[in-house]
């Protein structure tokens, strides 16, 4: 996958920093994760979410986890830490089914996942 780092555990690391505060609206809340064999589409609930680098906590990640669990999707989401010129946090996805993520698309991806 272009523009992504995939580690040895099959986790796909986003390359956009999650700021201290993230605003999700109906214009940036849809995401589709594809494995090639399966496609999982869901909407992140609208709202204002806070993330804290120091404590490693993110309301956004917790909201996404809840949606994934409610849909019984085999997706795990993590609050990951990256170090380039500066430290920043990002979203990390992994399929728990053993398949590899082949593509990620949607308005959520466009706004919060695909830019450095």
C-alpha atoms as a PDB file:
ATOM      1  CA  UNK A   1       0.000   0.000   0.000  1.00  0.00           C
ATOM      2  CA  UNK A   2       1.341   3.396  -0.953  1.00  0.00           C
ATOM      3  CA  UNK A   3       1.889   6.021   1.744  1.00  0.00           C
ATOM      4  CA  UNK A   4       1.626   3.529   4.601  1.00  0.00           C
ATOM      5  CA  UNK A   5       3.984   1.796   6.931  1.00  0.00           C
ATOM      6  CA  UNK A   6       2.939  -1.789   7.628  1.00  0.00           C
ATOM      7  CA  UNK A   7       4.876  -3.456  10.431  1.00  0.00           C
ATOM      8  CA  UNK A   8       5.720  -7.150  10.911  1.00  0.00           C
ATOM      9  CA  UNK A   9       2.441  -7.665  12.788  1.00  0.00           C
ATOM     10  CA  UNK A  10       0.262  -6.534   9.863  1.00  0.00           C
ATOM     11  CA  UNK A  11      -0.582  -3.211  11.491  1.00  0.00           C
ATOM     12  CA  UNK A  12      -1.044  -0.293   9.106  1.00  0.00           C
ATOM     13  CA  UNK A  13       0.188   2.985  10.566  1.00  0.00           C
ATOM     14  CA  UNK A  14      -1.429   6.233   9.521  1.00  0.00           C
ATOM     15  CA  UNK A  15       0.884   9.031   8.544  1.00  0.00           C
ATOM     16  CA  UNK A  16      -1.200  11.929   9.843  1.00  0.00           C
ATOM     17  CA  UNK A  17      -0.811  13.288  13.346  1.00  0.00           C
ATOM     18  CA  UNK A  18      -3.855  13.128  15.590  1.00  0.00           C
ATOM     19  CA  UNK A  19      -3.945  16.552  17.204  1.00  0.00           C
ATOM     20  CA  UNK A  20      -4.882  17.206  20.830  1.00  0.00           C
ATOM     21  CA  UNK A  21      -8.407  17.829  19.572  1.00  0.00           C
ATOM     22  CA  UNK A  22     -10.032  16.222  16.527  1.00  0.00           C
ATOM     23  CA  UNK A  23     -13.415  17.261  15.140  1.00  0.00           C
ATOM     24  CA  UNK A  24     -15.452  14.636  13.311  1.00  0.00           C
ATOM     25  CA  UNK A  25     -18.408  15.806  11.206  1.00  0.00           C
ATOM     26  CA  UNK A  26     -20.629  14.113   8.658  1.00  0.00           C
ATOM     27  CA  UNK A  27     -18.230  15.313   5.970  1.00  0.00           C
ATOM     28  CA  UNK A  28     -15.215  13.419   7.368  1.00  0.00           C
ATOM     29  CA  UNK A  29     -16.505  10.356   9.203  1.00  0.00           C
ATOM     30  CA  UNK A  30     -16.717   7.471   6.694  1.00  0.00           C
ATOM     31  CA  UNK A  31     -13.994   4.855   6.435  1.00  0.00           C
ATOM     32  CA  UNK A  32     -13.629   1.628   4.496  1.00  0.00           C
ATOM     33  CA  UNK A  33     -10.954  -0.948   5.260  1.00  0.00           C
ATOM     34  CA  UNK A  34     -10.439  -3.629   2.611  1.00  0.00           C
ATOM     35  CA  UNK A  35      -8.535  -6.887   2.757  1.00  0.00           C
ATOM     36  CA  UNK A  36      -9.076  -7.883  -0.854  1.00  0.00           C
ATOM     37  CA  UNK A  37     -11.585 -10.550   0.221  1.00  0.00           C
ATOM     38  CA  UNK A  38     -13.658  -8.407   2.580  1.00  0.00           C
ATOM     39  CA  UNK A  39     -14.644  -4.780   2.870  1.00  0.00           C
ATOM     40  CA  UNK A  40     -15.605  -3.110   6.150  1.00  0.00           C
ATOM     41  CA  UNK A  41     -17.317   0.281   6.011  1.00  0.00           C
ATOM     42  CA  UNK A  42     -18.369   2.285   9.035  1.00  0.00           C
ATOM     43  CA  UNK A  43     -18.926   5.839  10.220  1.00  0.00           C
ATOM     44  CA  UNK A  44     -17.007   7.359  13.106  1.00  0.00           C
ATOM     45  CA  UNK A  45     -19.518   9.141  15.383  1.00  0.00           C
ATOM     46  CA  UNK A  46     -19.521  12.907  14.982  1.00  0.00           C
ATOM     47  CA  UNK A  47     -18.117  14.935  17.851  1.00  0.00           C
ATOM     48  CA  UNK A  48     -15.032  16.526  19.330  1.00  0.00           C
ATOM     49  CA  UNK A  49     -12.399  14.066  20.545  1.00  0.00           C
ATOM     50  CA  UNK A  50      -9.364  14.691  22.715  1.00  0.00           C
ATOM     51  CA  UNK A  51      -6.103  12.757  22.582  1.00  0.00           C
ATOM     52  CA  UNK A  52      -3.229  12.991  25.027  1.00  0.00           C
ATOM     53  CA  UNK A  53       0.254  12.051  23.862  1.00  0.00           C
ATOM     54  CA  UNK A  54       1.668  11.953  27.401  1.00  0.00           C
ATOM     55  CA  UNK A  55      -0.860   9.429  28.725  1.00  0.00           C
ATOM     56  CA  UNK A  56      -1.318   7.558  25.442  1.00  0.00           C
ATOM     57  CA  UNK A  57      -5.091   7.958  25.493  1.00  0.00           C
ATOM     58  CA  UNK A  58      -7.463   8.973  22.733  1.00  0.00           C
ATOM     59  CA  UNK A  59     -11.219   9.457  22.842  1.00  0.00           C
ATOM     60  CA  UNK A  60     -11.200   9.115  19.040  1.00  0.00           C
ATOM     61  CA  UNK A  61      -9.602   5.663  19.173  1.00  0.00           C
ATOM     62  CA  UNK A  62     -12.080   4.569  21.853  1.00  0.00           C
ATOM     63  CA  UNK A  63     -15.031   5.779  19.723  1.00  0.00           C
ATOM     64  CA  UNK A  64     -13.718   3.878  16.690  1.00  0.00           C
ATOM     65  CA  UNK A  65     -13.213   0.731  18.821  1.00  0.00           C
ATOM     66  CA  UNK A  66     -16.840   0.930  19.967  1.00  0.00           C
ATOM     67  CA  UNK A  67     -18.148   1.201  16.390  1.00  0.00           C
ATOM     68  CA  UNK A  68     -15.984  -1.704  15.265  1.00  0.00           C
ATOM     69  CA  UNK A  69     -17.159  -3.866  18.178  1.00  0.00           C
ATOM     70  CA  UNK A  70     -20.815  -2.969  17.578  1.00  0.00           C
ATOM     71  CA  UNK A  71     -20.439  -4.133  13.960  1.00  0.00           C
ATOM     72  CA  UNK A  72     -18.481  -7.272  14.938  1.00  0.00           C
ATOM     73  CA  UNK A  73     -15.760  -6.372  12.431  1.00  0.00           C
ATOM     74  CA  UNK A  74     -12.400  -8.192  12.742  1.00  0.00           C
ATOM     75  CA  UNK A  75     -10.538  -4.881  13.025  1.00  0.00           C
ATOM     76  CA  UNK A  76      -8.292  -3.641  15.794  1.00  0.00           C
ATOM     77  CA  UNK A  77      -7.450   0.041  16.197  1.00  0.00           C
ATOM     78  CA  UNK A  78      -4.604   1.470  18.251  1.00  0.00           C
ATOM     79  CA  UNK A  79      -3.253   4.846  19.315  1.00  0.00           C
ATOM     80  CA  UNK A  80       0.269   4.671  17.916  1.00  0.00           C
ATOM     81  CA  UNK A  81       3.301   6.838  18.480  1.00  0.00           C
ATOM     82  CA  UNK A  82       5.607   7.912  15.657  1.00  0.00           C
ATOM     83  CA  UNK A  83       8.913   9.707  15.678  1.00  0.00           C
ATOM     84  CA  UNK A  84       9.992  11.628  12.613  1.00  0.00           C
ATOM     85  CA  UNK A  85      11.452  15.085  13.154  1.00  0.00           C
ATOM     86  CA  UNK A  86       8.947  15.473  16.008  1.00  0.00           C
ATOM     87  CA  UNK A  87       6.926  12.981  18.029  1.00  0.00           C
ATOM     88  CA  UNK A  88       3.275  12.561  17.068  1.00  0.00           C
ATOM     89  CA  UNK A  89       0.430  10.113  17.499  1.00  0.00           C
ATOM     90  CA  UNK A  90      -1.423   8.380  14.710  1.00  0.00           C
ATOM     91  CA  UNK A  91      -4.147   5.846  14.087  1.00  0.00           C
ATOM     92  CA  UNK A  92      -3.094   2.235  13.602  1.00  0.00           C
ATOM     93  CA  UNK A  93      -5.360  -0.448  12.112  1.00  0.00           C
ATOM     94  CA  UNK A  94      -4.954  -4.222  11.980  1.00  0.00           C
ATOM     95  CA  UNK A  95      -7.260  -7.022  10.863  1.00  0.00           C
ATOM     96  CA  UNK A  96      -7.637  -9.638  13.595  1.00  0.00           C
ATOM     97  CA  UNK A  97      -8.841 -12.220  11.051  1.00  0.00           C
ATOM     98  CA  UNK A  98      -5.291 -12.883   9.857  1.00  0.00           C
ATOM     99  CA  UNK A  99      -5.881 -11.130   6.529  1.00  0.00           C
ATOM    100  CA  UNK A 100      -3.801  -8.125   5.527  1.00  0.00           C
ATOM    101  CA  UNK A 101      -5.217  -4.678   4.931  1.00  0.00           C
ATOM    102  CA  UNK A 102      -4.979  -3.940   1.215  1.00  0.00           C
ATOM    103  CA  UNK A 103      -6.653  -0.525   1.117  1.00  0.00           C
ATOM    104  CA  UNK A 104      -8.163   2.190   3.280  1.00  0.00           C
ATOM    105  CA  UNK A 105     -10.519   4.788   1.789  1.00  0.00           C
ATOM    106  CA  UNK A 106     -13.270   7.231   2.728  1.00  0.00           C
ATOM    107  CA  UNK A 107     -13.717  10.759   3.973  1.00  0.00           C
ATOM    108  CA  UNK A 108     -12.204   9.917   7.379  1.00  0.00           C
ATOM    109  CA  UNK A 109      -9.122   8.591   5.626  1.00  0.00           C
ATOM    110  CA  UNK A 110      -8.933  11.699   3.424  1.00  0.00           C
ATOM    111  CA  UNK A 111      -9.037  14.091   6.400  1.00  0.00           C
ATOM    112  CA  UNK A 112      -7.194  12.260   9.155  1.00  0.00           C
ATOM    113  CA  UNK A 113      -5.096   9.444   7.716  1.00  0.00           C
ATOM    114  CA  UNK A 114      -3.495  10.348   4.410  1.00  0.00           C
ATOM    115  CA  UNK A 115      -1.457  13.492   5.014  1.00  0.00           C
ATOM    116  CA  UNK A 116       1.797  13.991   6.795  1.00  0.00           C
END
